[in-house]
Amino acid sequence: MWTVKVVGVSVLAVSVTVELLNWLRRRYKKRKPLNEVLFFPSEVACVEHLLSPSAPCYCALPHGVDTSFSRLLRHVLSASSSLDLCVFAFSNTDLCRAVLSLRKRGVVIRVLSDKDYIAINGSQIGPLRKAGICVRSDGGAVYMHHKFALVDGSLLISGSLNWTLTAVQANMENLIVTMEPELVRPFVQEFNRLWELSDPARTLSNGVQTELERTAGHD
């Protein structure tokens, strides 16, 4: 009788141990980093299910179609803590809606754009600023021609694609989406460098210093 009980307990213990080991293996198994290439122009399809999932859509566009643009939107909307966006041109209203929805969810958003493009007709920088999103522009003499985004500081979206309707639907463009640390890290560093260089307080300070030096030169 005791032998049977001991054997039964031993079998149960072994079974629990095996299950625990399998669970730990699945839990901590090294995940394969995300690497994806997207090509444009993208097929035109409805994306309301991504931007307004609770509201039904009855538009004439194809529904439930997986496109390069819908995949881009999914990656942007996957942000849970931060989104750093460094892009020359930003006029795509659907991408603007995606960024604004992240803002409502409490995601910290920083945007860098070219100083000349910000003011052109159709730019979505205005709505971002109205929503309280911090937008900076490079005050240098050269174009800020980057096109990349960093999601949660660990996912990089980079390529030739400007965030415009023309780029998405009419141009031959490309994007690489990756979580490879060796590729993501330099972009994080570059964004932070440009962010500091574009600090309005820094620009003002440099302007004051230049004026003081100019005035001193006339003394």
C-alpha atoms as a PDB file:
ATOM      1  CA  MET A   1       0.000   0.000   0.000  1.00  0.00           C
ATOM      2  CA  TRP A   2       2.734   2.464   0.996  1.00  0.00           C
ATOM      3  CA  THR A   3       4.753   1.435  -2.040  1.00  0.00           C
ATOM      4  CA  VAL A   4       1.841   2.271  -4.320  1.00  0.00           C
ATOM      5  CA  LYS A   5       1.401   5.676  -2.697  1.00  0.00           C
ATOM      6  CA  VAL A   6       5.107   6.499  -2.954  1.00  0.00           C
ATOM      7  CA  VAL A   7       5.214   5.474  -6.603  1.00  0.00           C
ATOM      8  CA  GLY A   8       2.103   7.524  -7.339  1.00  0.00           C
ATOM      9  CA  VAL A   9       3.525  10.610  -5.678  1.00  0.00           C
ATOM     10  CA  SER A  10       6.822  10.166  -7.529  1.00  0.00           C
ATOM     11  CA  VAL A  11       5.071   9.899 -10.889  1.00  0.00           C
ATOM     12  CA  LEU A  12       3.018  12.998 -10.115  1.00  0.00           C
ATOM     13  CA  ALA A  13       6.140  14.921  -9.085  1.00  0.00           C
ATOM     14  CA  VAL A  14       7.947  13.945 -12.281  1.00  0.00           C
ATOM     15  CA  SER A  15       4.923  14.932 -14.363  1.00  0.00           C
ATOM     16  CA  VAL A  16       4.675  18.338 -12.673  1.00  0.00           C
ATOM     17  CA  THR A  17       8.418  18.881 -13.097  1.00  0.00           C
ATOM     18  CA  VAL A  18       8.267  18.086 -16.820  1.00  0.00           C
ATOM     19  CA  GLU A  19       5.299  20.414 -17.304  1.00  0.00           C
ATOM     20  CA  LEU A  20       7.081  23.166 -15.389  1.00  0.00           C
ATOM     21  CA  LEU A  21      10.231  22.776 -17.461  1.00  0.00           C
ATOM     22  CA  ASN A  22       8.228  22.884 -20.690  1.00  0.00           C
ATOM     23  CA  TRP A  23       6.420  26.035 -19.521  1.00  0.00           C
ATOM     24  CA  LEU A  24       9.688  27.717 -18.569  1.00  0.00           C
ATOM     25  CA  ARG A  25      11.194  26.749 -21.900  1.00  0.00           C
ATOM     26  CA  ARG A  26       8.287  28.316 -23.775  1.00  0.00           C
ATOM     27  CA  ARG A  27       8.257  31.345 -21.478  1.00  0.00           C
ATOM     28  CA  TYR A  28      11.917  32.193 -21.790  1.00  0.00           C
ATOM     29  CA  LYS A  29      12.710  30.760 -25.186  1.00  0.00           C
ATOM     30  CA  LYS A  30      14.644  33.328 -27.195  1.00  0.00           C
ATOM     31  CA  ARG A  31      12.231  34.912 -29.596  1.00  0.00           C
ATOM     32  CA  LYS A  32      13.294  35.363 -33.181  1.00  0.00           C
ATOM     33  CA  PRO A  33      13.721  39.099 -33.817  1.00  0.00           C
ATOM     34  CA  LEU A  34      11.208  40.664 -36.159  1.00  0.00           C
ATOM     35  CA  ASN A  35      12.602  41.336 -39.626  1.00  0.00           C
ATOM     36  CA  GLU A  36      10.249  42.422 -42.382  1.00  0.00           C
ATOM     37  CA  VAL A  37      10.471  44.238 -45.708  1.00  0.00           C
ATOM     38  CA  LEU A  38       7.529  46.261 -47.054  1.00  0.00           C
ATOM     39  CA  PHE A  39       7.267  47.522 -50.624  1.00  0.00           C
ATOM     40  CA  PHE A  40       5.094  50.303 -51.975  1.00  0.00           C
ATOM     41  CA  PRO A  41       2.883  51.454 -53.653  1.00  0.00           C
ATOM     42  CA  SER A  42       0.474  49.641 -51.410  1.00  0.00           C
ATOM     43  CA  GLU A  43      -2.806  48.150 -52.523  1.00  0.00           C
ATOM     44  CA  VAL A  44      -5.618  50.536 -51.620  1.00  0.00           C
ATOM     45  CA  ALA A  45      -7.819  48.996 -48.929  1.00  0.00           C
ATOM     46  CA  CYS A  46      -9.842  50.076 -45.912  1.00  0.00           C
ATOM     47  CA  VAL A  47      -7.874  50.499 -42.674  1.00  0.00           C
ATOM     48  CA  GLU A  48     -10.728  51.635 -40.433  1.00  0.00           C
ATOM     49  CA  HIS A  49     -10.629  48.311 -38.578  1.00  0.00           C
ATOM     50  CA  LEU A  50      -7.185  49.351 -37.335  1.00  0.00           C
ATOM     51  CA  LEU A  51      -7.933  52.994 -36.581  1.00  0.00           C
ATOM     52  CA  SER A  52     -11.501  52.610 -35.251  1.00  0.00           C
ATOM     53  CA  PRO A  53     -11.916  48.921 -34.380  1.00  0.00           C
ATOM     54  CA  SER A  54     -15.170  49.448 -32.477  1.00  0.00           C
ATOM     55  CA  ALA A  55     -16.941  51.264 -35.328  1.00  0.00           C
ATOM     56  CA  PRO A  56     -18.259  49.350 -38.370  1.00  0.00           C
ATOM     57  CA  CYS A  57     -17.189  50.632 -41.777  1.00  0.00           C
ATOM     58  CA  TYR A  58     -19.316  50.447 -44.918  1.00  0.00           C
ATOM     59  CA  CYS A  59     -17.019  52.220 -47.367  1.00  0.00           C
ATOM     60  CA  ALA A  60     -16.513  50.909 -50.902  1.00  0.00           C
ATOM     61  CA  LEU A  61     -12.855  49.977 -50.380  1.00  0.00           C
ATOM     62  CA  PRO A  62     -11.850  46.317 -49.951  1.00  0.00           C
ATOM     63  CA  HIS A  63     -12.039  45.165 -46.330  1.00  0.00           C
ATOM     64  CA  GLY A  64      -9.926  42.628 -44.466  1.00  0.00           C
ATOM     65  CA  VAL A  65      -7.044  42.893 -46.940  1.00  0.00           C
ATOM     66  CA  ASP A  66      -3.490  42.674 -45.596  1.00  0.00           C
ATOM     67  CA  THR A  67      -1.392  45.317 -47.369  1.00  0.00           C
ATOM     68  CA  SER A  68       1.985  46.963 -46.901  1.00  0.00           C
ATOM     69  CA  PHE A  69       0.239  50.044 -45.543  1.00  0.00           C
ATOM     70  CA  SER A  70      -1.924  48.086 -43.104  1.00  0.00           C
ATOM     71  CA  ARG A  71       1.181  46.314 -41.826  1.00  0.00           C
ATOM     72  CA  LEU A  72       2.926  49.660 -41.365  1.00  0.00           C
ATOM     73  CA  LEU A  73      -0.069  50.936 -39.393  1.00  0.00           C
ATOM     74  CA  ARG A  74      -0.054  47.821 -37.201  1.00  0.00           C
ATOM     75  CA  HIS A  75       3.604  48.336 -36.355  1.00  0.00           C
ATOM     76  CA  VAL A  76       3.037  51.993 -35.477  1.00  0.00           C
ATOM     77  CA  LEU A  77      -0.054  51.184 -33.404  1.00  0.00           C
ATOM     78  CA  SER A  78       1.853  48.475 -31.510  1.00  0.00           C
ATOM     79  CA  ALA A  79       3.650  51.173 -29.494  1.00  0.00           C
ATOM     80  CA  SER A  80       2.940  50.810 -25.776  1.00  0.00           C
ATOM     81  CA  SER A  81       5.339  53.327 -24.223  1.00  0.00           C
ATOM     82  CA  SER A  82       7.017  55.537 -26.840  1.00  0.00           C
ATOM     83  CA  LEU A  83       7.131  56.530 -30.489  1.00  0.00           C
ATOM     84  CA  ASP A  84      10.023  58.550 -31.915  1.00  0.00           C
ATOM     85  CA  LEU A  85       9.341  59.748 -35.442  1.00  0.00           C
ATOM     86  CA  CYS A  86      11.950  61.358 -37.677  1.00  0.00           C
ATOM     87  CA  VAL A  87      10.477  62.070 -41.098  1.00  0.00           C
ATOM     88  CA  PHE A  88      10.944  64.699 -43.786  1.00  0.00           C
ATOM     89  CA  ALA A  89       7.325  64.833 -44.997  1.00  0.00           C
ATOM     90  CA  PHE A  90       4.209  63.973 -42.976  1.00  0.00           C
ATOM     91  CA  SER A  91       0.858  64.565 -44.699  1.00  0.00           C
ATOM     92  CA  ASN A  92      -0.823  61.143 -44.567  1.00  0.00           C
ATOM     93  CA  THR A  93      -4.023  61.566 -42.542  1.00  0.00           C
ATOM     94  CA  ASP A  94      -4.351  57.877 -41.617  1.00  0.00           C
ATOM     95  CA  LEU A  95      -0.841  57.820 -40.172  1.00  0.00           C
ATOM     96  CA  CYS A  96      -1.667  61.041 -38.334  1.00  0.00           C
ATOM     97  CA  ARG A  97      -4.779  59.384 -36.865  1.00  0.00           C
ATOM     98  CA  ALA A  98      -2.640  56.460 -35.740  1.00  0.00           C
ATOM     99  CA  VAL A  99      -0.185  58.771 -33.966  1.00  0.00           C
ATOM    100  CA  LEU A 100      -3.025  60.737 -32.342  1.00  0.00           C
ATOM    101  CA  SER A 101      -4.596  57.507 -31.075  1.00  0.00           C
ATOM    102  CA  LEU A 102      -1.272  56.601 -29.449  1.00  0.00           C
ATOM    103  CA  ARG A 103      -1.263  60.001 -27.779  1.00  0.00           C
ATOM    104  CA  LYS A 104      -4.713  59.294 -26.307  1.00  0.00           C
ATOM    105  CA  ARG A 105      -3.382  56.003 -24.937  1.00  0.00           C
ATOM    106  CA  GLY A 106      -0.606  57.814 -23.083  1.00  0.00           C
ATOM    107  CA  VAL A 107       2.255  56.870 -25.396  1.00  0.00           C
ATOM    108  CA  VAL A 108       5.127  59.379 -25.233  1.00  0.00           C
ATOM    109  CA  ILE A 109       5.644  60.784 -28.738  1.00  0.00           C
ATOM    110  CA  ARG A 110       8.499  62.864 -30.130  1.00  0.00           C
ATOM    111  CA  VAL A 111       8.506  64.094 -33.720  1.00  0.00           C
ATOM    112  CA  LEU A 112      11.357  65.541 -35.769  1.00  0.00           C
ATOM    113  CA  SER A 113      10.603  67.028 -39.185  1.00  0.00           C
ATOM    114  CA  ASP A 114      12.136  69.374 -41.722  1.00  0.00           C
ATOM    115  CA  LYS A 115      11.613  73.041 -40.874  1.00  0.00           C
ATOM    116  CA  ASP A 116      10.554  73.971 -44.421  1.00  0.00           C
ATOM    117  CA  TYR A 117       8.137  71.078 -44.907  1.00  0.00           C
ATOM    118  CA  ILE A 118       6.313  71.662 -41.610  1.00  0.00           C
ATOM    119  CA  ALA A 119       4.722  74.863 -42.942  1.00  0.00           C
ATOM    120  CA  ILE A 120       3.493  73.588 -46.326  1.00  0.00           C
ATOM    121  CA  ASN A 121      -0.184  73.030 -47.091  1.00  0.00           C
ATOM    122  CA  GLY A 122      -1.392  69.565 -46.090  1.00  0.00           C
ATOM    123  CA  SER A 123       1.238  68.901 -43.443  1.00  0.00           C
ATOM    124  CA  GLN A 124      -0.129  66.981 -40.461  1.00  0.00           C
ATOM    125  CA  ILE A 125       2.337  68.563 -38.038  1.00  0.00           C
ATOM    126  CA  GLY A 126      -0.273  71.140 -36.995  1.00  0.00           C
ATOM    127  CA  PRO A 127      -2.792  68.549 -35.707  1.00  0.00           C
ATOM    128  CA  LEU A 128       0.004  66.791 -33.826  1.00  0.00           C
ATOM    129  CA  ARG A 129       1.036  69.993 -32.083  1.00  0.00           C
ATOM    130  CA  LYS A 130      -2.587  70.843 -31.264  1.00  0.00           C
ATOM    131  CA  ALA A 131      -2.831  67.462 -29.538  1.00  0.00           C
ATOM    132  CA  GLY A 132       0.125  68.369 -27.329  1.00  0.00           C
ATOM    133  CA  ILE A 133       2.714  66.277 -29.159  1.00  0.00           C
ATOM    134  CA  CYS A 134       6.207  67.746 -29.038  1.00  0.00           C
ATOM    135  CA  VAL A 135       7.481  68.498 -32.543  1.00  0.00           C
ATOM    136  CA  ARG A 136      10.932  69.865 -33.299  1.00  0.00           C
ATOM    137  CA  SER A 137      12.619  70.876 -36.534  1.00  0.00           C
ATOM    138  CA  ASP A 138      16.258  71.094 -37.440  1.00  0.00           C
ATOM    139  CA  GLY A 139      17.413  74.687 -37.770  1.00  0.00           C
ATOM    140  CA  GLY A 140      20.409  73.855 -39.938  1.00  0.00           C
ATOM    141  CA  ALA A 141      21.007  74.751 -43.571  1.00  0.00           C
ATOM    142  CA  VAL A 142      20.601  71.169 -44.844  1.00  0.00           C
ATOM    143  CA  TYR A 143      17.401  69.151 -45.237  1.00  0.00           C
ATOM    144  CA  MET A 144      16.302  66.857 -42.432  1.00  0.00           C
ATOM    145  CA  HIS A 145      15.675  64.070 -44.941  1.00  0.00           C
ATOM    146  CA  HIS A 146      15.424  61.044 -42.647  1.00  0.00           C
ATOM    147  CA  LYS A 147      12.435  58.692 -42.798  1.00  0.00           C
ATOM    148  CA  PHE A 148      12.447  56.430 -39.767  1.00  0.00           C
ATOM    149  CA  ALA A 149      10.402  55.641 -36.688  1.00  0.00           C
ATOM    150  CA  LEU A 150      11.277  53.918 -33.419  1.00  0.00           C
ATOM    151  CA  VAL A 151       8.551  52.013 -31.607  1.00  0.00           C
ATOM    152  CA  ASP A 152       9.179  51.548 -27.871  1.00  0.00           C
ATOM    153  CA  GLY A 153      12.878  52.106 -28.553  1.00  0.00           C
ATOM    154  CA  SER A 154      13.208  48.527 -29.793  1.00  0.00           C
ATOM    155  CA  LEU A 155      11.537  48.350 -33.214  1.00  0.00           C
ATOM    156  CA  LEU A 156      12.897  50.284 -36.180  1.00  0.00           C
ATOM    157  CA  ILE A 157      10.872  51.277 -39.252  1.00  0.00           C
ATOM    158  CA  SER A 158      13.156  52.814 -41.868  1.00  0.00           C
ATOM    159  CA  GLY A 159      13.378  53.233 -45.619  1.00  0.00           C
ATOM    160  CA  SER A 160      12.599  55.577 -48.504  1.00  0.00           C
ATOM    161  CA  LEU A 161       8.938  56.099 -47.572  1.00  0.00           C
ATOM    162  CA  ASN A 162       7.806  59.571 -46.590  1.00  0.00           C
ATOM    163  CA  TRP A 163       4.606  59.616 -44.539  1.00  0.00           C
ATOM    164  CA  THR A 164       2.499  60.969 -47.407  1.00  0.00           C
ATOM    165  CA  LEU A 165      -0.445  59.615 -49.395  1.00  0.00           C
ATOM    166  CA  THR A 166       1.538  59.859 -52.628  1.00  0.00           C
ATOM    167  CA  ALA A 167       4.409  57.819 -51.218  1.00  0.00           C
ATOM    168  CA  VAL A 168       2.038  55.121 -49.933  1.00  0.00           C
ATOM    169  CA  GLN A 169      -0.212  54.805 -52.993  1.00  0.00           C
ATOM    170  CA  ALA A 170       1.743  56.088 -55.998  1.00  0.00           C
ATOM    171  CA  ASN A 171       5.495  55.779 -55.463  1.00  0.00           C
ATOM    172  CA  MET A 172       7.890  52.845 -55.580  1.00  0.00           C
ATOM    173  CA  GLU A 173       9.163  52.889 -52.004  1.00  0.00           C
ATOM    174  CA  ASN A 174      10.494  50.510 -49.387  1.00  0.00           C
ATOM    175  CA  LEU A 175      10.588  50.017 -45.631  1.00  0.00           C
ATOM    176  CA  ILE A 176      12.596  47.696 -43.439  1.00  0.00           C
ATOM    177  CA  VAL A 177      11.045  46.754 -40.091  1.00  0.00           C
ATOM    178  CA  THR A 178      13.451  45.174 -37.624  1.00  0.00           C
ATOM    179  CA  MET A 179      14.106  44.513 -33.963  1.00  0.00           C
ATOM    180  CA  GLU A 180      17.779  43.646 -34.466  1.00  0.00           C
ATOM    181  CA  PRO A 181      19.577  45.541 -31.651  1.00  0.00           C
ATOM    182  CA  GLU A 182      22.652  46.176 -33.809  1.00  0.00           C
ATOM    183  CA  LEU A 183      20.469  48.069 -36.288  1.00  0.00           C
ATOM    184  CA  VAL A 184      18.047  49.706 -33.869  1.00  0.00           C
ATOM    185  CA  ARG A 185      20.653  51.115 -31.467  1.00  0.00           C
ATOM    186  CA  PRO A 186      22.374  53.535 -33.920  1.00  0.00           C
ATOM    187  CA  PHE A 187      19.000  54.994 -34.904  1.00  0.00           C
ATOM    188  CA  VAL A 188      18.086  55.522 -31.245  1.00  0.00           C
ATOM    189  CA  GLN A 189      21.378  57.345 -30.756  1.00  0.00           C
ATOM    190  CA  GLU A 190      20.913  59.430 -33.901  1.00  0.00           C
ATOM    191  CA  PHE A 191      17.373  60.420 -32.947  1.00  0.00           C
ATOM    192  CA  ASN A 192      18.470  61.509 -29.481  1.00  0.00           C
ATOM    193  CA  ARG A 193      21.365  63.476 -30.980  1.00  0.00           C
ATOM    194  CA  LEU A 194      19.089  65.300 -33.424  1.00  0.00           C
ATOM    195  CA  TRP A 195      16.497  65.864 -30.710  1.00  0.00           C
ATOM    196  CA  GLU A 196      19.049  67.646 -28.548  1.00  0.00           C
ATOM    197  CA  LEU A 197      20.376  69.666 -31.490  1.00  0.00           C
ATOM    198  CA  SER A 198      16.826  70.783 -32.296  1.00  0.00           C
ATOM    199  CA  ASP A 199      16.037  71.926 -28.758  1.00  0.00           C
ATOM    200  CA  PRO A 200      14.530  75.457 -29.074  1.00  0.00           C
ATOM    201  CA  ALA A 201      16.318  76.498 -25.874  1.00  0.00           C
ATOM    202  CA  ARG A 202      19.628  75.535 -27.463  1.00  0.00           C
ATOM    203  CA  THR A 203      18.811  77.474 -30.625  1.00  0.00           C
ATOM    204  CA  LEU A 204      17.805  80.536 -28.598  1.00  0.00           C
ATOM    205  CA  SER A 205      20.952  80.298 -26.502  1.00  0.00           C
ATOM    206  CA  ASN A 206      23.139  80.107 -29.605  1.00  0.00           C
ATOM    207  CA  GLY A 207      21.325  83.093 -31.098  1.00  0.00           C
ATOM    208  CA  VAL A 208      21.842  85.178 -27.967  1.00  0.00           C
ATOM    209  CA  GLN A 209      25.513  84.206 -27.853  1.00  0.00           C
ATOM    210  CA  THR A 210      25.966  85.186 -31.506  1.00  0.00           C
ATOM    211  CA  GLU A 211      24.298  88.550 -30.913  1.00  0.00           C
ATOM    212  CA  LEU A 212      26.492  89.207 -27.876  1.00  0.00           C
ATOM    213  CA  GLU A 213      29.606  88.397 -29.880  1.00  0.00           C
ATOM    214  CA  ARG A 214      28.451  90.646 -32.724  1.00  0.00           C
ATOM    215  CA  THR A 215      27.738  93.507 -30.323  1.00  0.00           C
ATOM    216  CA  ALA A 216      31.080  93.048 -28.582  1.00  0.00           C
ATOM    217  CA  GLY A 217      32.825  93.245 -31.927  1.00  0.00           C
ATOM    218  CA  HIS A 218      31.516  96.783 -32.437  1.00  0.00           C
ATOM    219  CA  ASP A 219      32.753  98.040 -29.038  1.00  0.00           C
END
